[in-house]
Amino acid sequence: MSLQSVRMKKDQILVDEIEELNRKGNLLHQENVELYKKVNLIRQENMELYKKVYGPGEVNGMNRGSRNTNGFRIGDDAHVPVHLQLCQPQQQNQDEPARATKLG
């Protein structure tokens, strides 16, 4: 087998791999577009339900977009992606006994 035929075979393998990756990329792109449409539809449905529950302009007497008791914004920022991050648990004071939640 000559060096030229080895190079041609290698080039063909690389071209085939590139074409396969492009096909996979196109499929992933199409799937992302479909998921994006589904997310937007669900977001619209959520906003309609939200308006039915709280009314079109206010939430429990507060303006839309104000913070609820948990400190989260409600309303206008619903389409903004949320970035959550884990953090280390806070140390309890050694003088205070641990408070257990009573269940049931």
PDB file of N, CA and C in Angstrom:
ATOM      1  N   MET A   1       0.853  -1.169   0.000  1.00  0.00           N
ATOM      2  CA  MET A   1       0.000   0.000   0.000  1.00  0.00           C
ATOM      3  C   MET A   1       0.902   1.235   0.000  1.00  0.00           C
ATOM      4  N   SER A   2       0.622   2.131  -0.929  1.00  0.00           N
ATOM      5  CA  SER A   2       1.472   3.308  -1.059  1.00  0.00           C
ATOM      6  C   SER A   2       1.066   4.388  -0.056  1.00  0.00           C
ATOM      7  N   LEU A   3       1.986   5.295   0.156  1.00  0.00           N
ATOM      8  CA  LEU A   3       1.752   6.404   1.080  1.00  0.00           C
ATOM      9  C   LEU A   3       0.579   7.262   0.605  1.00  0.00           C
ATOM     10  N   GLN A   4       0.473   7.440  -0.691  1.00  0.00           N
ATOM     11  CA  GLN A   4      -0.616   8.248  -1.242  1.00  0.00           C
ATOM     12  C   GLN A   4      -1.975   7.594  -0.979  1.00  0.00           C
ATOM     13  N   SER A   5      -2.062   6.285  -1.121  1.00  0.00           N
ATOM     14  CA  SER A   5      -3.341   5.605  -0.875  1.00  0.00           C
ATOM     15  C   SER A   5      -3.711   5.641   0.614  1.00  0.00           C
ATOM     16  N   VAL A   6      -2.703   5.587   1.502  1.00  0.00           N
ATOM     17  CA  VAL A   6      -2.959   5.692   2.937  1.00  0.00           C
ATOM     18  C   VAL A   6      -3.507   7.084   3.262  1.00  0.00           C
ATOM     19  N   ARG A   7      -2.905   8.111   2.662  1.00  0.00           N
ATOM     20  CA  ARG A   7      -3.373   9.478   2.885  1.00  0.00           C
ATOM     21  C   ARG A   7      -4.796   9.669   2.360  1.00  0.00           C
ATOM     22  N   MET A   8      -5.081   9.116   1.194  1.00  0.00           N
ATOM     23  CA  MET A   8      -6.422   9.240   0.617  1.00  0.00           C
ATOM     24  C   MET A   8      -7.454   8.540   1.504  1.00  0.00           C
ATOM     25  N   LYS A   9      -7.089   7.370   2.020  1.00  0.00           N
ATOM     26  CA  LYS A   9      -7.999   6.636   2.893  1.00  0.00           C
ATOM     27  C   LYS A   9      -8.227   7.420   4.188  1.00  0.00           C
ATOM     28  N   LYS A  10      -7.159   7.977   4.738  1.00  0.00           N
ATOM     29  CA  LYS A  10      -7.266   8.786   5.957  1.00  0.00           C
ATOM     30  C   LYS A  10      -8.151  10.004   5.704  1.00  0.00           C
ATOM     31  N   ASP A  11      -7.945  10.685   4.578  1.00  0.00           N
ATOM     32  CA  ASP A  11      -8.759  11.847   4.233  1.00  0.00           C
ATOM     33  C   ASP A  11     -10.234  11.468   4.099  1.00  0.00           C
ATOM     34  N   GLN A  12     -10.505  10.320   3.473  1.00  0.00           N
ATOM     35  CA  GLN A  12     -11.890   9.884   3.305  1.00  0.00           C
ATOM     36  C   GLN A  12     -12.534   9.581   4.656  1.00  0.00           C
ATOM     37  N   ILE A  13     -11.778   8.951   5.555  1.00  0.00           N
ATOM     38  CA  ILE A  13     -12.290   8.660   6.901  1.00  0.00           C
ATOM     39  C   ILE A  13     -12.616   9.962   7.626  1.00  0.00           C
ATOM     40  N   LEU A  14     -11.725  10.946   7.524  1.00  0.00           N
ATOM     41  CA  LEU A  14     -11.962  12.239   8.168  1.00  0.00           C
ATOM     42  C   LEU A  14     -13.172  12.957   7.567  1.00  0.00           C
ATOM     43  N   VAL A  15     -13.315  12.908   6.249  1.00  0.00           N
ATOM     44  CA  VAL A  15     -14.466  13.527   5.588  1.00  0.00           C
ATOM     45  C   VAL A  15     -15.754  12.857   6.055  1.00  0.00           C
ATOM     46  N   ASP A  16     -15.743  11.525   6.137  1.00  0.00           N
ATOM     47  CA  ASP A  16     -16.925  10.791   6.608  1.00  0.00           C
ATOM     48  C   ASP A  16     -17.269  11.168   8.045  1.00  0.00           C
ATOM     49  N   GLU A  17     -16.247  11.289   8.893  1.00  0.00           N
ATOM     50  CA  GLU A  17     -16.482  11.681  10.288  1.00  0.00           C
ATOM     51  C   GLU A  17     -17.066  13.088  10.369  1.00  0.00           C
ATOM     52  N   ILE A  18     -16.543  14.001   9.567  1.00  0.00           N
ATOM     53  CA  ILE A  18     -17.045  15.377   9.559  1.00  0.00           C
ATOM     54  C   ILE A  18     -18.502  15.403   9.111  1.00  0.00           C
ATOM     55  N   GLU A  19     -18.823  14.644   8.071  1.00  0.00           N
ATOM     56  CA  GLU A  19     -20.206  14.600   7.594  1.00  0.00           C
ATOM     57  C   GLU A  19     -21.133  14.025   8.661  1.00  0.00           C
ATOM     58  N   GLU A  20     -20.694  12.977   9.350  1.00  0.00           N
ATOM     59  CA  GLU A  20     -21.501  12.378  10.413  1.00  0.00           C
ATOM     60  C   GLU A  20     -21.703  13.369  11.563  1.00  0.00           C
ATOM     61  N   LEU A  21     -20.652  14.080  11.938  1.00  0.00           N
ATOM     62  CA  LEU A  21     -20.771  15.083  13.001  1.00  0.00           C
ATOM     63  C   LEU A  21     -21.713  16.215  12.586  1.00  0.00           C
ATOM     64  N   ASN A  22     -21.652  16.615  11.326  1.00  0.00           N
ATOM     65  CA  ASN A  22     -22.575  17.643  10.836  1.00  0.00           C
ATOM     66  C   ASN A  22     -24.018  17.159  10.890  1.00  0.00           C
ATOM     67  N   ARG A  23     -24.256  15.902  10.517  1.00  0.00           N
ATOM     68  CA  ARG A  23     -25.611  15.340  10.598  1.00  0.00           C
ATOM     69  C   ARG A  23     -26.098  15.333  12.045  1.00  0.00           C
ATOM     70  N   LYS A  24     -25.227  14.878  12.957  1.00  0.00           N
ATOM     71  CA  LYS A  24     -25.597  14.854  14.371  1.00  0.00           C
ATOM     72  C   LYS A  24     -25.856  16.270  14.889  1.00  0.00           C
ATOM     73  N   GLY A  25     -25.016  17.210  14.484  1.00  0.00           N
ATOM     74  CA  GLY A  25     -25.203  18.600  14.896  1.00  0.00           C
ATOM     75  C   GLY A  25     -26.527  19.159  14.399  1.00  0.00           C
ATOM     76  N   ASN A  26     -26.890  18.836  13.161  1.00  0.00           N
ATOM     77  CA  ASN A  26     -28.167  19.297  12.619  1.00  0.00           C
ATOM     78  C   ASN A  26     -29.340  18.685  13.372  1.00  0.00           C
ATOM     79  N   LEU A  27     -29.243  17.397  13.714  1.00  0.00           N
ATOM     80  CA  LEU A  27     -30.303  16.742  14.487  1.00  0.00           C
ATOM     81  C   LEU A  27     -30.439  17.375  15.871  1.00  0.00           C
ATOM     82  N   LEU A  28     -29.301  17.641  16.519  1.00  0.00           N
ATOM     83  CA  LEU A  28     -29.334  18.285  17.836  1.00  0.00           C
ATOM     84  C   LEU A  28     -29.927  19.688  17.750  1.00  0.00           C
ATOM     85  N   HIS A  29     -29.577  20.408  16.700  1.00  0.00           N
ATOM     86  CA  HIS A  29     -30.123  21.749  16.515  1.00  0.00           C
ATOM     87  C   HIS A  29     -31.639  21.687  16.351  1.00  0.00           C
ATOM     88  N   GLN A  30     -32.111  20.748  15.532  1.00  0.00           N
ATOM     89  CA  GLN A  30     -33.549  20.605  15.324  1.00  0.00           C
ATOM     90  C   GLN A  30     -34.254  20.238  16.629  1.00  0.00           C
ATOM     91  N   GLU A  31     -33.647  19.335  17.402  1.00  0.00           N
ATOM     92  CA  GLU A  31     -34.214  18.949  18.691  1.00  0.00           C
ATOM     93  C   GLU A  31     -34.262  20.151  19.639  1.00  0.00           C
ATOM     94  N   ASN A  32     -33.213  20.961  19.647  1.00  0.00           N
ATOM     95  CA  ASN A  32     -33.181  22.159  20.494  1.00  0.00           C
ATOM     96  C   ASN A  32     -34.276  23.146  20.096  1.00  0.00           C
ATOM     97  N   VAL A  33     -34.497  23.307  18.796  1.00  0.00           N
ATOM     98  CA  VAL A  33     -35.544  24.213  18.325  1.00  0.00           C
ATOM     99  C   VAL A  33     -36.907  23.720  18.798  1.00  0.00           C
ATOM    100  N   GLU A  34     -37.151  22.409  18.679  1.00  0.00           N
ATOM    101  CA  GLU A  34     -38.426  21.845  19.121  1.00  0.00           C
ATOM    102  C   GLU A  34     -38.602  21.999  20.632  1.00  0.00           C
ATOM    103  N   LEU A  35     -37.540  21.751  21.396  1.00  0.00           N
ATOM    104  CA  LEU A  35     -37.617  21.913  22.848  1.00  0.00           C
ATOM    105  C   LEU A  35     -37.853  23.373  23.221  1.00  0.00           C
ATOM    106  N   TYR A  36     -37.219  24.282  22.515  1.00  0.00           N
ATOM    107  CA  TYR A  36     -37.403  25.710  22.767  1.00  0.00           C
ATOM    108  C   TYR A  36     -38.860  26.102  22.552  1.00  0.00           C
ATOM    109  N   LYS A  37     -39.456  25.573  21.470  1.00  0.00           N
ATOM    110  CA  LYS A  37     -40.865  25.863  21.202  1.00  0.00           C
ATOM    111  C   LYS A  37     -41.750  25.310  22.313  1.00  0.00           C
ATOM    112  N   LYS A  38     -41.444  24.100  22.791  1.00  0.00           N
ATOM    113  CA  LYS A  38     -42.226  23.503  23.876  1.00  0.00           C
ATOM    114  C   LYS A  38     -42.100  24.328  25.152  1.00  0.00           C
ATOM    115  N   VAL A  39     -40.880  24.771  25.458  1.00  0.00           N
ATOM    116  CA  VAL A  39     -40.657  25.579  26.658  1.00  0.00           C
ATOM    117  C   VAL A  39     -41.446  26.877  26.566  1.00  0.00           C
ATOM    118  N   ASN A  40     -41.432  27.515  25.410  1.00  0.00           N
ATOM    119  CA  ASN A  40     -42.179  28.763  25.248  1.00  0.00           C
ATOM    120  C   ASN A  40     -43.678  28.536  25.389  1.00  0.00           C
ATOM    121  N   LEU A  41     -44.180  27.426  24.858  1.00  0.00           N
ATOM    122  CA  LEU A  41     -45.595  27.111  24.990  1.00  0.00           C
ATOM    123  C   LEU A  41     -45.961  26.892  26.454  1.00  0.00           C
ATOM    124  N   ILE A  42     -45.133  26.146  27.168  1.00  0.00           N
ATOM    125  CA  ILE A  42     -45.379  25.905  28.593  1.00  0.00           C
ATOM    126  C   ILE A  42     -45.290  27.210  29.369  1.00  0.00           C
ATOM    127  N   ARG A  43     -44.338  28.064  29.022  1.00  0.00           N
ATOM    128  CA  ARG A  43     -44.201  29.362  29.694  1.00  0.00           C
ATOM    129  C   ARG A  43     -45.454  30.204  29.487  1.00  0.00           C
ATOM    130  N   GLN A  44     -45.987  30.183  28.262  1.00  0.00           N
ATOM    131  CA  GLN A  44     -47.218  30.919  27.985  1.00  0.00           C
ATOM    132  C   GLN A  44     -48.376  30.371  28.809  1.00  0.00           C
ATOM    133  N   GLU A  45     -48.496  29.046  28.853  1.00  0.00           N
ATOM    134  CA  GLU A  45     -49.559  28.424  29.640  1.00  0.00           C
ATOM    135  C   GLU A  45     -49.417  28.786  31.115  1.00  0.00           C
ATOM    136  N   ASN A  46     -48.188  28.768  31.614  1.00  0.00           N
ATOM    137  CA  ASN A  46     -47.951  29.137  33.014  1.00  0.00           C
ATOM    138  C   ASN A  46     -48.362  30.579  33.286  1.00  0.00           C
ATOM    139  N   MET A  47     -48.026  31.483  32.384  1.00  0.00           N
ATOM    140  CA  MET A  47     -48.386  32.884  32.583  1.00  0.00           C
ATOM    141  C   MET A  47     -49.899  33.064  32.542  1.00  0.00           C
ATOM    142  N   GLU A  48     -50.589  32.321  31.662  1.00  0.00           N
ATOM    143  CA  GLU A  48     -52.046  32.407  31.615  1.00  0.00           C
ATOM    144  C   GLU A  48     -52.652  31.897  32.918  1.00  0.00           C
ATOM    145  N   LEU A  49     -52.145  30.778  33.422  1.00  0.00           N
ATOM    146  CA  LEU A  49     -52.629  30.254  34.699  1.00  0.00           C
ATOM    147  C   LEU A  49     -52.316  31.221  35.832  1.00  0.00           C
ATOM    148  N   TYR A  50     -51.137  31.804  35.787  1.00  0.00           N
ATOM    149  CA  TYR A  50     -50.720  32.777  36.794  1.00  0.00           C
ATOM    150  C   TYR A  50     -51.689  33.962  36.817  1.00  0.00           C
ATOM    151  N   LYS A  51     -52.039  34.440  35.618  1.00  0.00           N
ATOM    152  CA  LYS A  51     -52.965  35.569  35.528  1.00  0.00           C
ATOM    153  C   LYS A  51     -54.348  35.182  36.028  1.00  0.00           C
ATOM    154  N   LYS A  52     -54.768  33.939  35.769  1.00  0.00           N
ATOM    155  CA  LYS A  52     -56.071  33.486  36.265  1.00  0.00           C
ATOM    156  C   LYS A  52     -56.084  33.443  37.785  1.00  0.00           C
ATOM    157  N   VAL A  53     -54.978  33.015  38.378  1.00  0.00           N
ATOM    158  CA  VAL A  53     -54.917  32.889  39.833  1.00  0.00           C
ATOM    159  C   VAL A  53     -54.756  34.249  40.494  1.00  0.00           C
ATOM    160  N   TYR A  54     -53.831  35.067  40.029  1.00  0.00           N
ATOM    161  CA  TYR A  54     -53.480  36.313  40.708  1.00  0.00           C
ATOM    162  C   TYR A  54     -54.054  37.565  40.059  1.00  0.00           C
ATOM    163  N   GLY A  55     -54.639  37.434  38.901  1.00  0.00           N
ATOM    164  CA  GLY A  55     -55.140  38.609  38.205  1.00  0.00           C
ATOM    165  C   GLY A  55     -54.074  39.167  37.292  1.00  0.00           C
ATOM    166  N   PRO A  56     -54.471  40.002  36.342  1.00  0.00           N
ATOM    167  CA  PRO A  56     -53.510  40.472  35.340  1.00  0.00           C
ATOM    168  C   PRO A  56     -52.478  41.466  35.842  1.00  0.00           C
ATOM    169  N   GLY A  57     -52.763  42.195  36.936  1.00  0.00           N
ATOM    170  CA  GLY A  57     -51.835  43.257  37.307  1.00  0.00           C
ATOM    171  C   GLY A  57     -51.149  43.111  38.630  1.00  0.00           C
ATOM    172  N   GLU A  58     -51.742  42.398  39.568  1.00  0.00           N
ATOM    173  CA  GLU A  58     -51.173  42.379  40.906  1.00  0.00           C
ATOM    174  C   GLU A  58     -51.131  40.968  41.468  1.00  0.00           C
ATOM    175  N   VAL A  59     -50.254  40.811  42.463  1.00  0.00           N
ATOM    176  CA  VAL A  59     -50.117  39.545  43.173  1.00  0.00           C
ATOM    177  C   VAL A  59     -50.288  39.837  44.652  1.00  0.00           C
ATOM    178  N   ASN A  60     -51.391  39.401  45.242  1.00  0.00           N
ATOM    179  CA  ASN A  60     -51.637  39.622  46.673  1.00  0.00           C
ATOM    180  C   ASN A  60     -51.413  41.081  47.078  1.00  0.00           C
ATOM    181  N   GLY A  61     -51.865  42.017  46.234  1.00  0.00           N
ATOM    182  CA  GLY A  61     -51.720  43.429  46.567  1.00  0.00           C
ATOM    183  C   GLY A  61     -50.368  44.014  46.223  1.00  0.00           C
ATOM    184  N   MET A  62     -49.445  43.211  45.707  1.00  0.00           N
ATOM    185  CA  MET A  62     -48.113  43.705  45.339  1.00  0.00           C
ATOM    186  C   MET A  62     -48.037  43.811  43.825  1.00  0.00           C
ATOM    187  N   ASN A  63     -47.181  44.657  43.325  1.00  0.00           N
ATOM    188  CA  ASN A  63     -46.971  44.774  41.893  1.00  0.00           C
ATOM    189  C   ASN A  63     -46.307  43.523  41.365  1.00  0.00           C
ATOM    190  N   ARG A  64     -46.598  43.225  40.091  1.00  0.00           N
ATOM    191  CA  ARG A  64     -45.923  42.093  39.468  1.00  0.00           C
ATOM    192  C   ARG A  64     -44.435  42.383  39.416  1.00  0.00           C
ATOM    193  N   GLY A  65     -43.655  41.351  39.548  1.00  0.00           N
ATOM    194  CA  GLY A  65     -42.213  41.517  39.529  1.00  0.00           C
ATOM    195  C   GLY A  65     -41.651  41.792  40.898  1.00  0.00           C
ATOM    196  N   SER A  66     -42.508  41.922  41.903  1.00  0.00           N
ATOM    197  CA  SER A  66     -41.993  42.136  43.254  1.00  0.00           C
ATOM    198  C   SER A  66     -41.574  40.806  43.852  1.00  0.00           C
ATOM    199  N   ARG A  67     -40.902  40.869  44.972  1.00  0.00           N
ATOM    200  CA  ARG A  67     -40.388  39.652  45.588  1.00  0.00           C
ATOM    201  C   ARG A  67     -41.438  39.040  46.496  1.00  0.00           C
ATOM    202  N   ASN A  68     -41.513  37.688  46.472  1.00  0.00           N
ATOM    203  CA  ASN A  68     -42.427  37.007  47.380  1.00  0.00           C
ATOM    204  C   ASN A  68     -41.709  36.707  48.686  1.00  0.00           C
ATOM    205  N   THR A  69     -42.326  35.925  49.560  1.00  0.00           N
ATOM    206  CA  THR A  69     -41.745  35.696  50.885  1.00  0.00           C
ATOM    207  C   THR A  69     -40.433  34.930  50.835  1.00  0.00           C
ATOM    208  N   ASN A  70     -40.174  34.201  49.752  1.00  0.00           N
ATOM    209  CA  ASN A  70     -38.920  33.459  49.631  1.00  0.00           C
ATOM    210  C   ASN A  70     -37.808  34.294  49.017  1.00  0.00           C
ATOM    211  N   GLY A  71     -38.102  35.501  48.612  1.00  0.00           N
ATOM    212  CA  GLY A  71     -37.091  36.357  48.010  1.00  0.00           C
ATOM    213  C   GLY A  71     -36.952  36.160  46.511  1.00  0.00           C
ATOM    214  N   PHE A  72     -37.840  35.365  45.890  1.00  0.00           N
ATOM    215  CA  PHE A  72     -37.776  35.144  44.455  1.00  0.00           C
ATOM    216  C   PHE A  72     -38.668  36.149  43.746  1.00  0.00           C
ATOM    217  N   ARG A  73     -38.248  36.560  42.571  1.00  0.00           N
ATOM    218  CA  ARG A  73     -39.065  37.483  41.797  1.00  0.00           C
ATOM    219  C   ARG A  73     -40.167  36.703  41.100  1.00  0.00           C
ATOM    220  N   ILE A  74     -41.322  37.338  40.985  1.00  0.00           N
ATOM    221  CA  ILE A  74     -42.469  36.722  40.340  1.00  0.00           C
ATOM    222  C   ILE A  74     -42.848  37.578  39.149  1.00  0.00           C
ATOM    223  N   GLY A  75     -43.138  36.957  38.029  1.00  0.00           N
ATOM    224  CA  GLY A  75     -43.771  37.677  36.934  1.00  0.00           C
ATOM    225  C   GLY A  75     -42.867  37.965  35.770  1.00  0.00           C
ATOM    226  N   ASP A  76     -42.431  39.201  35.643  1.00  0.00           N
ATOM    227  CA  ASP A  76     -41.780  39.661  34.431  1.00  0.00           C
ATOM    228  C   ASP A  76     -40.488  38.932  34.111  1.00  0.00           C
ATOM    229  N   ASP A  77     -39.765  38.449  35.103  1.00  0.00           N
ATOM    230  CA  ASP A  77     -38.485  37.797  34.867  1.00  0.00           C
ATOM    231  C   ASP A  77     -38.623  36.289  34.724  1.00  0.00           C
ATOM    232  N   ALA A  78     -39.814  35.788  34.437  1.00  0.00           N
ATOM    233  CA  ALA A  78     -40.034  34.346  34.375  1.00  0.00           C
ATOM    234  C   ALA A  78     -39.249  33.693  33.244  1.00  0.00           C
ATOM    235  N   HIS A  79     -38.901  34.434  32.198  1.00  0.00           N
ATOM    236  CA  HIS A  79     -38.197  33.858  31.059  1.00  0.00           C
ATOM    237  C   HIS A  79     -36.679  33.905  31.205  1.00  0.00           C
ATOM    238  N   VAL A  80     -36.168  34.501  32.246  1.00  0.00           N
ATOM    239  CA  VAL A  80     -34.727  34.609  32.462  1.00  0.00           C
ATOM    240  C   VAL A  80     -34.214  33.290  33.024  1.00  0.00           C
ATOM    241  N   PRO A  81     -33.134  32.729  32.457  1.00  0.00           N
ATOM    242  CA  PRO A  81     -32.613  31.472  32.998  1.00  0.00           C
ATOM    243  C   PRO A  81     -32.117  31.645  34.430  1.00  0.00           C
ATOM    244  N   VAL A  82     -32.295  30.602  35.210  1.00  0.00           N
ATOM    245  CA  VAL A  82     -31.896  30.625  36.614  1.00  0.00           C
ATOM    246  C   VAL A  82     -30.602  29.842  36.749  1.00  0.00           C
ATOM    247  N   HIS A  83     -29.626  30.414  37.426  1.00  0.00           N
ATOM    248  CA  HIS A  83     -28.358  29.738  37.660  1.00  0.00           C
ATOM    249  C   HIS A  83     -28.244  29.461  39.152  1.00  0.00           C
ATOM    250  N   LEU A  84     -28.345  28.181  39.507  1.00  0.00           N
ATOM    251  CA  LEU A  84     -28.257  27.794  40.904  1.00  0.00           C
ATOM    252  C   LEU A  84     -26.861  27.290  41.206  1.00  0.00           C
ATOM    253  N   GLN A  85     -26.434  27.433  42.436  1.00  0.00           N
ATOM    254  CA  GLN A  85     -25.095  27.022  42.822  1.00  0.00           C
ATOM    255  C   GLN A  85     -25.145  26.457  44.230  1.00  0.00           C
ATOM    256  N   LEU A  86     -24.439  25.355  44.438  1.00  0.00           N
ATOM    257  CA  LEU A  86     -24.368  24.763  45.764  1.00  0.00           C
ATOM    258  C   LEU A  86     -23.362  25.519  46.617  1.00  0.00           C
ATOM    259  N   CYS A  87     -23.607  25.570  47.917  1.00  0.00           N
ATOM    260  CA  CYS A  87     -22.653  26.179  48.827  1.00  0.00           C
ATOM    261  C   CYS A  87     -22.543  25.303  50.065  1.00  0.00           C
ATOM    262  N   GLN A  88     -21.500  25.507  50.819  1.00  0.00           N
ATOM    263  CA  GLN A  88     -21.271  24.719  52.024  1.00  0.00           C
ATOM    264  C   GLN A  88     -22.324  25.058  53.067  1.00  0.00           C
ATOM    265  N   PRO A  89     -22.780  24.059  53.845  1.00  0.00           N
ATOM    266  CA  PRO A  89     -23.753  24.352  54.897  1.00  0.00           C
ATOM    267  C   PRO A  89     -23.127  25.237  55.964  1.00  0.00           C
ATOM    268  N   GLN A  90     -23.962  26.068  56.580  1.00  0.00           N
ATOM    269  CA  GLN A  90     -23.476  26.966  57.618  1.00  0.00           C
ATOM    270  C   GLN A  90     -23.283  26.188  58.911  1.00  0.00           C
ATOM    271  N   GLN A  91     -22.242  26.540  59.638  1.00  0.00           N
ATOM    272  CA  GLN A  91     -21.956  25.894  60.921  1.00  0.00           C
ATOM    273  C   GLN A  91     -22.962  26.356  61.957  1.00  0.00           C
ATOM    274  N   GLN A  92     -23.464  25.423  62.781  1.00  0.00           N
ATOM    275  CA  GLN A  92     -24.356  25.794  63.871  1.00  0.00           C
ATOM    276  C   GLN A  92     -23.520  26.204  65.066  1.00  0.00           C
ATOM    277  N   ASN A  93     -24.072  27.102  65.847  1.00  0.00           N
ATOM    278  CA  ASN A  93     -23.418  27.540  67.068  1.00  0.00           C
ATOM    279  C   ASN A  93     -23.387  26.361  68.040  1.00  0.00           C
ATOM    280  N   GLN A  94     -22.251  26.080  68.638  1.00  0.00           N
ATOM    281  CA  GLN A  94     -22.108  24.939  69.546  1.00  0.00           C
ATOM    282  C   GLN A  94     -22.979  25.078  70.790  1.00  0.00           C
ATOM    283  N   ASP A  95     -23.305  26.327  71.187  1.00  0.00           N
ATOM    284  CA  ASP A  95     -24.112  26.553  72.380  1.00  0.00           C
ATOM    285  C   ASP A  95     -25.587  26.240  72.145  1.00  0.00           C
ATOM    286  N   GLU A  96     -26.043  26.349  70.884  1.00  0.00           N
ATOM    287  CA  GLU A  96     -27.447  26.102  70.586  1.00  0.00           C
ATOM    288  C   GLU A  96     -27.648  24.637  70.236  1.00  0.00           C
ATOM    289  N   PRO A  97     -28.653  23.990  70.799  1.00  0.00           N
ATOM    290  CA  PRO A  97     -28.945  22.614  70.402  1.00  0.00           C
ATOM    291  C   PRO A  97     -29.526  22.606  68.993  1.00  0.00           C
ATOM    292  N   ALA A  98     -29.275  21.547  68.265  1.00  0.00           N
ATOM    293  CA  ALA A  98     -29.792  21.431  66.909  1.00  0.00           C
ATOM    294  C   ALA A  98     -31.309  21.337  66.962  1.00  0.00           C
ATOM    295  N   ARG A  99     -31.961  22.103  66.115  1.00  0.00           N
ATOM    296  CA  ARG A  99     -33.421  22.099  66.072  1.00  0.00           C
ATOM    297  C   ARG A  99     -33.871  21.053  65.062  1.00  0.00           C
ATOM    298  N   ALA A 100     -34.620  20.079  65.520  1.00  0.00           N
ATOM    299  CA  ALA A 100     -35.135  19.043  64.635  1.00  0.00           C
ATOM    300  C   ALA A 100     -36.566  19.384  64.257  1.00  0.00           C
ATOM    301  N   THR A 101     -36.914  19.100  63.027  1.00  0.00           N
ATOM    302  CA  THR A 101     -38.275  19.325  62.579  1.00  0.00           C
ATOM    303  C   THR A 101     -39.132  18.162  63.027  1.00  0.00           C
ATOM    304  N   LYS A 102     -40.234  18.453  63.666  1.00  0.00           N
ATOM    305  CA  LYS A 102     -41.130  17.406  64.146  1.00  0.00           C
ATOM    306  C   LYS A 102     -42.033  17.004  62.988  1.00  0.00           C
ATOM    307  N   LEU A 103     -42.001  15.732  62.643  1.00  0.00           N
ATOM    308  CA  LEU A 103     -42.798  15.227  61.540  1.00  0.00           C
ATOM    309  C   LEU A 103     -43.989  14.457  62.069  1.00  0.00           C
ATOM    310  N   GLY A 104     -45.090  14.542  61.362  1.00  0.00           N
ATOM    311  CA  GLY A 104     -46.259  13.728  61.553  1.00  0.00           C
ATOM    312  C   GLY A 104     -46.972  13.805  62.792  1.00  0.00           C
TER     313      GLY A 104
END
